[in-house]
Amino acid sequence: MRPDPVAAALSGALDVANERHALLAANIANLDTPGYVRADLDFEAALADPSQAGNMVRRQGMPDLNRELGSMAETDTYYESCAKLLSMRYALMRESVKMS
């Protein structure tokens, strides 16, 4: 059976969202750490090439709670959407196997 490119793309998108979530969580955890520099993922670029996501981390400025929470909400929504699409994709594949 050939690999499913749609499932692979969705899986890669979930990995990118997880990586960004971890960076944002670290920013929140270090809000009061002197000298801490905010880290975030170039989300759109990382989604275009998930294998390079680790090389797309930007570090600049100080973390801000409102910005971090907003970015986290955006990432969570994206993750939930991709997870739902992946689940639907697998359900479709299961039905296809049952019918054959």
C-alpha atoms as a PDB file:
ATOM      1  CA  MET A   1       0.000   0.000   0.000  1.00  0.00           C
ATOM      2  CA  ARG A   2       1.309   3.456  -0.914  1.00  0.00           C
ATOM      3  CA  PRO A   3       1.782   6.069   1.785  1.00  0.00           C
ATOM      4  CA  ASP A   4      -1.085   8.528   1.999  1.00  0.00           C
ATOM      5  CA  PRO A   5       0.276  12.027   1.259  1.00  0.00           C
ATOM      6  CA  VAL A   6      -2.737  13.731   2.861  1.00  0.00           C
ATOM      7  CA  ALA A   7      -2.322  11.820   6.122  1.00  0.00           C
ATOM      8  CA  ALA A   8       1.429  12.503   6.047  1.00  0.00           C
ATOM      9  CA  ALA A   9       0.847  16.236   5.543  1.00  0.00           C
ATOM     10  CA  LEU A  10      -1.684  16.374   8.374  1.00  0.00           C
ATOM     11  CA  SER A  11       0.629  14.414  10.649  1.00  0.00           C
ATOM     12  CA  GLY A  12       3.462  16.833   9.858  1.00  0.00           C
ATOM     13  CA  ALA A  13       1.168  19.763  10.629  1.00  0.00           C
ATOM     14  CA  LEU A  14       0.330  18.218  14.017  1.00  0.00           C
ATOM     15  CA  ASP A  15       4.048  17.874  14.764  1.00  0.00           C
ATOM     16  CA  VAL A  16       4.637  21.539  13.884  1.00  0.00           C
ATOM     17  CA  ALA A  17       1.736  22.638  16.086  1.00  0.00           C
ATOM     18  CA  ASN A  18       3.137  20.550  18.965  1.00  0.00           C
ATOM     19  CA  GLU A  19       6.550  22.128  18.565  1.00  0.00           C
ATOM     20  CA  ARG A  20       5.092  25.636  18.549  1.00  0.00           C
ATOM     21  CA  HIS A  21       2.950  24.838  21.585  1.00  0.00           C
ATOM     22  CA  ALA A  22       6.061  23.753  23.511  1.00  0.00           C
ATOM     23  CA  LEU A  23       7.866  26.999  22.635  1.00  0.00           C
ATOM     24  CA  LEU A  24       4.877  29.109  23.687  1.00  0.00           C
ATOM     25  CA  ALA A  25       4.528  27.167  26.946  1.00  0.00           C
ATOM     26  CA  ALA A  26       8.219  27.820  27.681  1.00  0.00           C
ATOM     27  CA  ASN A  27       7.647  31.527  27.032  1.00  0.00           C
ATOM     28  CA  ILE A  28       4.793  31.575  29.536  1.00  0.00           C
ATOM     29  CA  ALA A  29       6.822  29.624  32.086  1.00  0.00           C
ATOM     30  CA  ASN A  30       9.646  32.153  31.765  1.00  0.00           C
ATOM     31  CA  LEU A  31       7.636  35.387  31.859  1.00  0.00           C
ATOM     32  CA  ASP A  32       9.482  36.565  34.959  1.00  0.00           C
ATOM     33  CA  THR A  33      12.899  35.112  34.125  1.00  0.00           C
ATOM     34  CA  PRO A  34      15.425  37.942  33.737  1.00  0.00           C
ATOM     35  CA  GLY A  35      17.158  37.884  30.367  1.00  0.00           C
ATOM     36  CA  TYR A  36      14.845  35.275  28.862  1.00  0.00           C
ATOM     37  CA  VAL A  37      14.325  35.818  25.134  1.00  0.00           C
ATOM     38  CA  ARG A  38      10.982  34.885  23.602  1.00  0.00           C
ATOM     39  CA  ALA A  39      11.006  31.957  21.164  1.00  0.00           C
ATOM     40  CA  ASP A  40       8.438  31.224  18.484  1.00  0.00           C
ATOM     41  CA  LEU A  41       8.225  29.151  15.369  1.00  0.00           C
ATOM     42  CA  ASP A  42       7.873  30.685  11.920  1.00  0.00           C
ATOM     43  CA  PHE A  43       4.584  28.799  11.810  1.00  0.00           C
ATOM     44  CA  GLU A  44       3.684  29.266   8.149  1.00  0.00           C
ATOM     45  CA  ALA A  45       7.182  28.411   6.921  1.00  0.00           C
ATOM     46  CA  ALA A  46       7.324  25.378   9.213  1.00  0.00           C
ATOM     47  CA  LEU A  47       3.997  24.151   7.868  1.00  0.00           C
ATOM     48  CA  ALA A  48       5.344  24.433   4.333  1.00  0.00           C
ATOM     49  CA  ASP A  49       8.285  22.183   5.276  1.00  0.00           C
ATOM     50  CA  PRO A  50       7.666  20.355   8.579  1.00  0.00           C
ATOM     51  CA  SER A  51      10.996  18.516   8.382  1.00  0.00           C
ATOM     52  CA  GLN A  52      12.784  21.875   8.826  1.00  0.00           C
ATOM     53  CA  ALA A  53      10.577  23.206  11.650  1.00  0.00           C
ATOM     54  CA  GLY A  54      13.377  22.939  14.218  1.00  0.00           C
ATOM     55  CA  ASN A  55      15.472  25.312  12.122  1.00  0.00           C
ATOM     56  CA  MET A  56      12.713  27.922  11.964  1.00  0.00           C
ATOM     57  CA  VAL A  57      12.711  29.080  15.572  1.00  0.00           C
ATOM     58  CA  ARG A  58      12.862  32.861  15.961  1.00  0.00           C
ATOM     59  CA  ARG A  59      14.182  34.384  19.150  1.00  0.00           C
ATOM     60  CA  GLN A  60      13.435  38.010  19.831  1.00  0.00           C
ATOM     61  CA  GLY A  61      12.058  40.260  22.517  1.00  0.00           C
ATOM     62  CA  MET A  62      10.552  39.473  25.841  1.00  0.00           C
ATOM     63  CA  PRO A  63       7.547  37.194  26.303  1.00  0.00           C
ATOM     64  CA  ASP A  64       4.194  38.865  26.821  1.00  0.00           C
ATOM     65  CA  LEU A  65       1.396  36.880  28.442  1.00  0.00           C
ATOM     66  CA  ASN A  66      -1.366  38.173  26.156  1.00  0.00           C
ATOM     67  CA  ARG A  67       0.641  37.520  23.006  1.00  0.00           C
ATOM     68  CA  GLU A  68       1.644  34.037  24.170  1.00  0.00           C
ATOM     69  CA  LEU A  69      -1.925  33.091  25.111  1.00  0.00           C
ATOM     70  CA  GLY A  70      -3.254  34.423  21.799  1.00  0.00           C
ATOM     71  CA  SER A  71      -0.655  32.469  19.846  1.00  0.00           C
ATOM     72  CA  MET A  72      -1.379  29.384  21.917  1.00  0.00           C
ATOM     73  CA  ALA A  73      -5.123  29.659  21.222  1.00  0.00           C
ATOM     74  CA  GLU A  74      -4.405  30.006  17.505  1.00  0.00           C
ATOM     75  CA  THR A  75      -2.116  26.967  17.584  1.00  0.00           C
ATOM     76  CA  ASP A  76      -4.642  24.915  19.579  1.00  0.00           C
ATOM     77  CA  THR A  77      -7.390  25.695  17.069  1.00  0.00           C
ATOM     78  CA  TYR A  78      -5.119  24.712  14.205  1.00  0.00           C
ATOM     79  CA  TYR A  79      -4.127  21.483  15.985  1.00  0.00           C
ATOM     80  CA  GLU A  80      -7.740  20.532  16.698  1.00  0.00           C
ATOM     81  CA  SER A  81      -8.681  21.155  13.052  1.00  0.00           C
ATOM     82  CA  CYS A  82      -5.828  19.017  11.738  1.00  0.00           C
ATOM     83  CA  ALA A  83      -6.566  16.249  14.231  1.00  0.00           C
ATOM     84  CA  LYS A  84     -10.216  16.212  13.171  1.00  0.00           C
ATOM     85  CA  LEU A  85      -9.273  16.112   9.473  1.00  0.00           C
ATOM     86  CA  LEU A  86      -6.794  13.292  10.107  1.00  0.00           C
ATOM     87  CA  SER A  87      -9.421  11.354  12.029  1.00  0.00           C
ATOM     88  CA  MET A  88     -11.866  11.804   9.157  1.00  0.00           C
ATOM     89  CA  ARG A  89      -9.204  10.705   6.683  1.00  0.00           C
ATOM     90  CA  TYR A  90      -8.552   7.498   8.621  1.00  0.00           C
ATOM     91  CA  ALA A  91     -12.291   6.835   8.911  1.00  0.00           C
ATOM     92  CA  LEU A  92     -12.575   7.182   5.142  1.00  0.00           C
ATOM     93  CA  MET A  93      -9.662   4.776   4.668  1.00  0.00           C
ATOM     94  CA  ARG A  94     -11.273   2.250   7.041  1.00  0.00           C
ATOM     95  CA  GLU A  95     -14.525   2.415   5.093  1.00  0.00           C
ATOM     96  CA  SER A  96     -12.646   1.951   1.838  1.00  0.00           C
ATOM     97  CA  VAL A  97     -10.985  -1.181   3.188  1.00  0.00           C
ATOM     98  CA  LYS A  98     -14.328  -2.573   4.405  1.00  0.00           C
ATOM     99  CA  MET A  99     -15.877  -2.049   0.977  1.00  0.00           C
ATOM    100  CA  SER A 100     -13.097  -3.798  -0.921  1.00  0.00           C
END
